[in-house]
Amino acid sequence: MICPSCDFEFDLSRGLQCPRCGAAIDCSEIGCANCDACNDVFQQIGRKIRSGD
């Protein structure tokens, strides 16, 4: 995951808060391309369809 506030790359499995700048991230602030929360290709496709991307 790339933090939209400071561009630091961090692991989402540790939570949705950037360890460098402390910004709290939520799904409305990031796009699927920057989010690796979906482990499965089919989940990623489903999210893209639901979001209209």
PDB file of N, CA and C in Angstrom:
ATOM      1  N   MET A   1       0.850  -1.177   0.000  1.00  0.00           N
ATOM      2  CA  MET A   1       0.000   0.000   0.000  1.00  0.00           C
ATOM      3  C   MET A   1       0.889   1.232   0.000  1.00  0.00           C
ATOM      4  N   ILE A   2       0.541   2.211  -0.810  1.00  0.00           N
ATOM      5  CA  ILE A   2       1.259   3.483  -0.844  1.00  0.00           C
ATOM      6  C   ILE A   2       0.426   4.523  -0.094  1.00  0.00           C
ATOM      7  N   CYS A   3       1.010   5.136   0.912  1.00  0.00           N
ATOM      8  CA  CYS A   3       0.301   6.149   1.701  1.00  0.00           C
ATOM      9  C   CYS A   3       0.023   7.371   0.818  1.00  0.00           C
ATOM     10  N   PRO A   4      -1.243   7.820   0.729  1.00  0.00           N
ATOM     11  CA  PRO A   4      -1.550   8.998  -0.080  1.00  0.00           C
ATOM     12  C   PRO A   4      -1.032  10.298   0.532  1.00  0.00           C
ATOM     13  N   SER A   5      -0.654  10.274   1.816  1.00  0.00           N
ATOM     14  CA  SER A   5      -0.157  11.482   2.470  1.00  0.00           C
ATOM     15  C   SER A   5       1.340  11.692   2.274  1.00  0.00           C
ATOM     16  N   CYS A   6       2.128  10.597   2.388  1.00  0.00           N
ATOM     17  CA  CYS A   6       3.587  10.764   2.335  1.00  0.00           C
ATOM     18  C   CYS A   6       4.281   9.842   1.332  1.00  0.00           C
ATOM     19  N   ASP A   7       3.520   9.016   0.596  1.00  0.00           N
ATOM     20  CA  ASP A   7       4.042   8.098  -0.426  1.00  0.00           C
ATOM     21  C   ASP A   7       4.876   6.943   0.127  1.00  0.00           C
ATOM     22  N   PHE A   8       4.843   6.711   1.432  1.00  0.00           N
ATOM     23  CA  PHE A   8       5.568   5.582   2.023  1.00  0.00           C
ATOM     24  C   PHE A   8       4.834   4.290   1.695  1.00  0.00           C
ATOM     25  N   GLU A   9       5.580   3.258   1.320  1.00  0.00           N
ATOM     26  CA  GLU A   9       4.953   1.964   1.029  1.00  0.00           C
ATOM     27  C   GLU A   9       4.965   1.112   2.292  1.00  0.00           C
ATOM     28  N   PHE A  10       3.786   0.596   2.680  1.00  0.00           N
ATOM     29  CA  PHE A  10       3.709  -0.220   3.884  1.00  0.00           C
ATOM     30  C   PHE A  10       2.767  -1.389   3.702  1.00  0.00           C
ATOM     31  N   ASP A  11       2.837  -2.339   4.616  1.00  0.00           N
ATOM     32  CA  ASP A  11       2.070  -3.577   4.564  1.00  0.00           C
ATOM     33  C   ASP A  11       0.712  -3.384   5.234  1.00  0.00           C
ATOM     34  N   LEU A  12      -0.368  -3.584   4.476  1.00  0.00           N
ATOM     35  CA  LEU A  12      -1.724  -3.411   5.017  1.00  0.00           C
ATOM     36  C   LEU A  12      -2.073  -4.413   6.102  1.00  0.00           C
ATOM     37  N   SER A  13      -1.369  -5.540   6.145  1.00  0.00           N
ATOM     38  CA  SER A  13      -1.697  -6.548   7.152  1.00  0.00           C
ATOM     39  C   SER A  13      -1.418  -6.043   8.565  1.00  0.00           C
ATOM     40  N   ARG A  14      -0.662  -4.966   8.685  1.00  0.00           N
ATOM     41  CA  ARG A  14      -0.367  -4.383  10.000  1.00  0.00           C
ATOM     42  C   ARG A  14      -1.356  -3.293  10.385  1.00  0.00           C
ATOM     43  N   GLY A  15      -2.336  -3.033   9.527  1.00  0.00           N
ATOM     44  CA  GLY A  15      -3.350  -2.026   9.831  1.00  0.00           C
ATOM     45  C   GLY A  15      -3.400  -0.950   8.771  1.00  0.00           C
ATOM     46  N   LEU A  16      -4.383  -0.078   8.890  1.00  0.00           N
ATOM     47  CA  LEU A  16      -4.614   0.970   7.906  1.00  0.00           C
ATOM     48  C   LEU A  16      -4.069   2.317   8.358  1.00  0.00           C
ATOM     49  N   GLN A  17      -3.007   2.301   9.145  1.00  0.00           N
ATOM     50  CA  GLN A  17      -2.362   3.540   9.571  1.00  0.00           C
ATOM     51  C   GLN A  17      -0.922   3.516   9.086  1.00  0.00           C
ATOM     52  N   CYS A  18      -0.515   4.578   8.423  1.00  0.00           N
ATOM     53  CA  CYS A  18       0.846   4.667   7.889  1.00  0.00           C
ATOM     54  C   CYS A  18       1.839   4.710   9.051  1.00  0.00           C
ATOM     55  N   PRO A  19       2.820   3.800   9.057  1.00  0.00           N
ATOM     56  CA  PRO A  19       3.792   3.797  10.149  1.00  0.00           C
ATOM     57  C   PRO A  19       4.769   4.976  10.100  1.00  0.00           C
ATOM     58  N   ARG A  20       4.890   5.630   8.942  1.00  0.00           N
ATOM     59  CA  ARG A  20       5.824   6.756   8.848  1.00  0.00           C
ATOM     60  C   ARG A  20       5.184   8.068   9.282  1.00  0.00           C
ATOM     61  N   CYS A  21       4.033   8.418   8.688  1.00  0.00           N
ATOM     62  CA  CYS A  21       3.436   9.723   9.010  1.00  0.00           C
ATOM     63  C   CYS A  21       2.236   9.627   9.942  1.00  0.00           C
ATOM     64  N   GLY A  22       1.729   8.404  10.159  1.00  0.00           N
ATOM     65  CA  GLY A  22       0.614   8.214  11.080  1.00  0.00           C
ATOM     66  C   GLY A  22      -0.755   8.466  10.480  1.00  0.00           C
ATOM     67  N   ALA A  23      -0.812   8.728   9.169  1.00  0.00           N
ATOM     68  CA  ALA A  23      -2.106   8.987   8.532  1.00  0.00           C
ATOM     69  C   ALA A  23      -2.993   7.750   8.593  1.00  0.00           C
ATOM     70  N   ALA A  24      -4.254   7.945   8.953  1.00  0.00           N
ATOM     71  CA  ALA A  24      -5.225   6.861   8.966  1.00  0.00           C
ATOM     72  C   ALA A  24      -5.823   6.757   7.566  1.00  0.00           C
ATOM     73  N   ILE A  25      -5.719   5.597   6.964  1.00  0.00           N
ATOM     74  CA  ILE A  25      -6.165   5.384   5.587  1.00  0.00           C
ATOM     75  C   ILE A  25      -7.507   4.659   5.616  1.00  0.00           C
ATOM     76  N   ASP A  26      -8.414   5.020   4.724  1.00  0.00           N
ATOM     77  CA  ASP A  26      -9.605   4.200   4.537  1.00  0.00           C
ATOM     78  C   ASP A  26      -9.809   3.972   3.044  1.00  0.00           C
ATOM     79  N   CYS A  27     -10.664   3.025   2.715  1.00  0.00           N
ATOM     80  CA  CYS A  27     -10.802   2.590   1.329  1.00  0.00           C
ATOM     81  C   CYS A  27     -11.309   3.682   0.398  1.00  0.00           C
ATOM     82  N   SER A  28     -11.960   4.710   0.933  1.00  0.00           N
ATOM     83  CA  SER A  28     -12.454   5.778   0.066  1.00  0.00           C
ATOM     84  C   SER A  28     -11.314   6.679  -0.408  1.00  0.00           C
ATOM     85  N   GLU A  29     -10.147   6.602   0.241  1.00  0.00           N
ATOM     86  CA  GLU A  29      -9.015   7.461  -0.108  1.00  0.00           C
ATOM     87  C   GLU A  29      -8.060   6.825  -1.105  1.00  0.00           C
ATOM     88  N   ILE A  30      -8.178   5.513  -1.281  1.00  0.00           N
ATOM     89  CA  ILE A  30      -7.232   4.814  -2.151  1.00  0.00           C
ATOM     90  C   ILE A  30      -7.954   4.059  -3.244  1.00  0.00           C
ATOM     91  N   GLY A  31      -7.280   3.818  -4.346  1.00  0.00           N
ATOM     92  CA  GLY A  31      -7.834   3.013  -5.424  1.00  0.00           C
ATOM     93  C   GLY A  31      -7.326   1.587  -5.327  1.00  0.00           C
ATOM     94  N   CYS A  32      -7.976   0.686  -6.021  1.00  0.00           N
ATOM     95  CA  CYS A  32      -7.587  -0.720  -5.980  1.00  0.00           C
ATOM     96  C   CYS A  32      -6.148  -0.932  -6.452  1.00  0.00           C
ATOM     97  N   ALA A  33      -5.659  -0.089  -7.338  1.00  0.00           N
ATOM     98  CA  ALA A  33      -4.301  -0.248  -7.845  1.00  0.00           C
ATOM     99  C   ALA A  33      -3.267  -0.061  -6.738  1.00  0.00           C
ATOM    100  N   ASN A  34      -3.596   0.723  -5.719  1.00  0.00           N
ATOM    101  CA  ASN A  34      -2.661   0.975  -4.624  1.00  0.00           C
ATOM    102  C   ASN A  34      -2.932   0.121  -3.391  1.00  0.00           C
ATOM    103  N   CYS A  35      -3.961  -0.704  -3.458  1.00  0.00           N
ATOM    104  CA  CYS A  35      -4.389  -1.476  -2.296  1.00  0.00           C
ATOM    105  C   CYS A  35      -4.188  -2.956  -2.555  1.00  0.00           C
ATOM    106  N   ASP A  36      -3.457  -3.654  -1.682  1.00  0.00           N
ATOM    107  CA  ASP A  36      -3.264  -5.087  -1.871  1.00  0.00           C
ATOM    108  C   ASP A  36      -4.082  -5.903  -0.873  1.00  0.00           C
ATOM    109  N   ALA A  37      -5.186  -5.337  -0.394  1.00  0.00           N
ATOM    110  CA  ALA A  37      -6.021  -6.024   0.588  1.00  0.00           C
ATOM    111  C   ALA A  37      -6.702  -7.257   0.003  1.00  0.00           C
ATOM    112  N   CYS A  38      -6.984  -7.252  -1.284  1.00  0.00           N
ATOM    113  CA  CYS A  38      -7.577  -8.417  -1.947  1.00  0.00           C
ATOM    114  C   CYS A  38      -6.457  -9.369  -2.351  1.00  0.00           C
ATOM    115  N   ASN A  39      -6.419 -10.540  -1.753  1.00  0.00           N
ATOM    116  CA  ASN A  39      -5.366 -11.499  -2.049  1.00  0.00           C
ATOM    117  C   ASN A  39      -5.627 -12.264  -3.335  1.00  0.00           C
ATOM    118  N   ASP A  40      -6.859 -12.415  -3.680  1.00  0.00           N
ATOM    119  CA  ASP A  40      -7.285 -13.280  -4.770  1.00  0.00           C
ATOM    120  C   ASP A  40      -7.633 -12.445  -6.002  1.00  0.00           C
ATOM    121  N   VAL A  41      -7.238 -12.911  -7.176  1.00  0.00           N
ATOM    122  CA  VAL A  41      -7.520 -12.203  -8.427  1.00  0.00           C
ATOM    123  C   VAL A  41      -9.017 -12.008  -8.614  1.00  0.00           C
ATOM    124  N   PHE A  42      -9.820 -13.015  -8.267  1.00  0.00           N
ATOM    125  CA  PHE A  42     -11.271 -12.908  -8.429  1.00  0.00           C
ATOM    126  C   PHE A  42     -11.861 -11.860  -7.490  1.00  0.00           C
ATOM    127  N   GLN A  43     -11.308 -11.711  -6.281  1.00  0.00           N
ATOM    128  CA  GLN A  43     -11.760 -10.649  -5.373  1.00  0.00           C
ATOM    129  C   GLN A  43     -11.439  -9.287  -5.970  1.00  0.00           C
ATOM    130  N   GLN A  44     -10.258  -9.160  -6.569  1.00  0.00           N
ATOM    131  CA  GLN A  44      -9.858  -7.890  -7.176  1.00  0.00           C
ATOM    132  C   GLN A  44     -10.790  -7.533  -8.333  1.00  0.00           C
ATOM    133  N   ILE A  45     -11.119  -8.515  -9.163  1.00  0.00           N
ATOM    134  CA  ILE A  45     -12.039  -8.270 -10.292  1.00  0.00           C
ATOM    135  C   ILE A  45     -13.415  -7.870  -9.773  1.00  0.00           C
ATOM    136  N   GLY A  46     -13.889  -8.567  -8.733  1.00  0.00           N
ATOM    137  CA  GLY A  46     -15.187  -8.243  -8.139  1.00  0.00           C
ATOM    138  C   GLY A  46     -15.229  -6.831  -7.595  1.00  0.00           C
ATOM    139  N   ARG A  47     -14.145  -6.392  -6.952  1.00  0.00           N
ATOM    140  CA  ARG A  47     -14.100  -5.022  -6.427  1.00  0.00           C
ATOM    141  C   ARG A  47     -14.133  -4.016  -7.547  1.00  0.00           C
ATOM    142  N   LYS A  48     -13.409  -4.297  -8.642  1.00  0.00           N
ATOM    143  CA  LYS A  48     -13.386  -3.367  -9.780  1.00  0.00           C
ATOM    144  C   LYS A  48     -14.776  -3.252 -10.392  1.00  0.00           C
ATOM    145  N   ILE A  49     -15.470  -4.364 -10.520  1.00  0.00           N
ATOM    146  CA  ILE A  49     -16.833  -4.352 -11.096  1.00  0.00           C
ATOM    147  C   ILE A  49     -17.763  -3.549 -10.200  1.00  0.00           C
ATOM    148  N   ARG A  50     -17.707  -3.804  -8.875  1.00  0.00           N
ATOM    149  CA  ARG A  50     -18.584  -3.101  -7.934  1.00  0.00           C
ATOM    150  C   ARG A  50     -18.282  -1.604  -7.884  1.00  0.00           C
ATOM    151  N   SER A  51     -17.000  -1.245  -8.042  1.00  0.00           N
ATOM    152  CA  SER A  51     -16.643   0.172  -7.963  1.00  0.00           C
ATOM    153  C   SER A  51     -16.855   0.915  -9.281  1.00  0.00           C
ATOM    154  N   GLY A  52     -17.026   0.159 -10.364  1.00  0.00           N
ATOM    155  CA  GLY A  52     -17.268   0.789 -11.669  1.00  0.00           C
ATOM    156  C   GLY A  52     -16.002   1.197 -12.381  1.00  0.00           C
ATOM    157  N   ASP A  53     -14.829   0.743 -11.904  1.00  0.00           N
ATOM    158  CA  ASP A  53     -13.549   1.088 -12.559  1.00  0.00           C
ATOM    159  C   ASP A  53     -13.306   0.250 -13.791  1.00  0.00           C
TER     160      ASP A  53
END
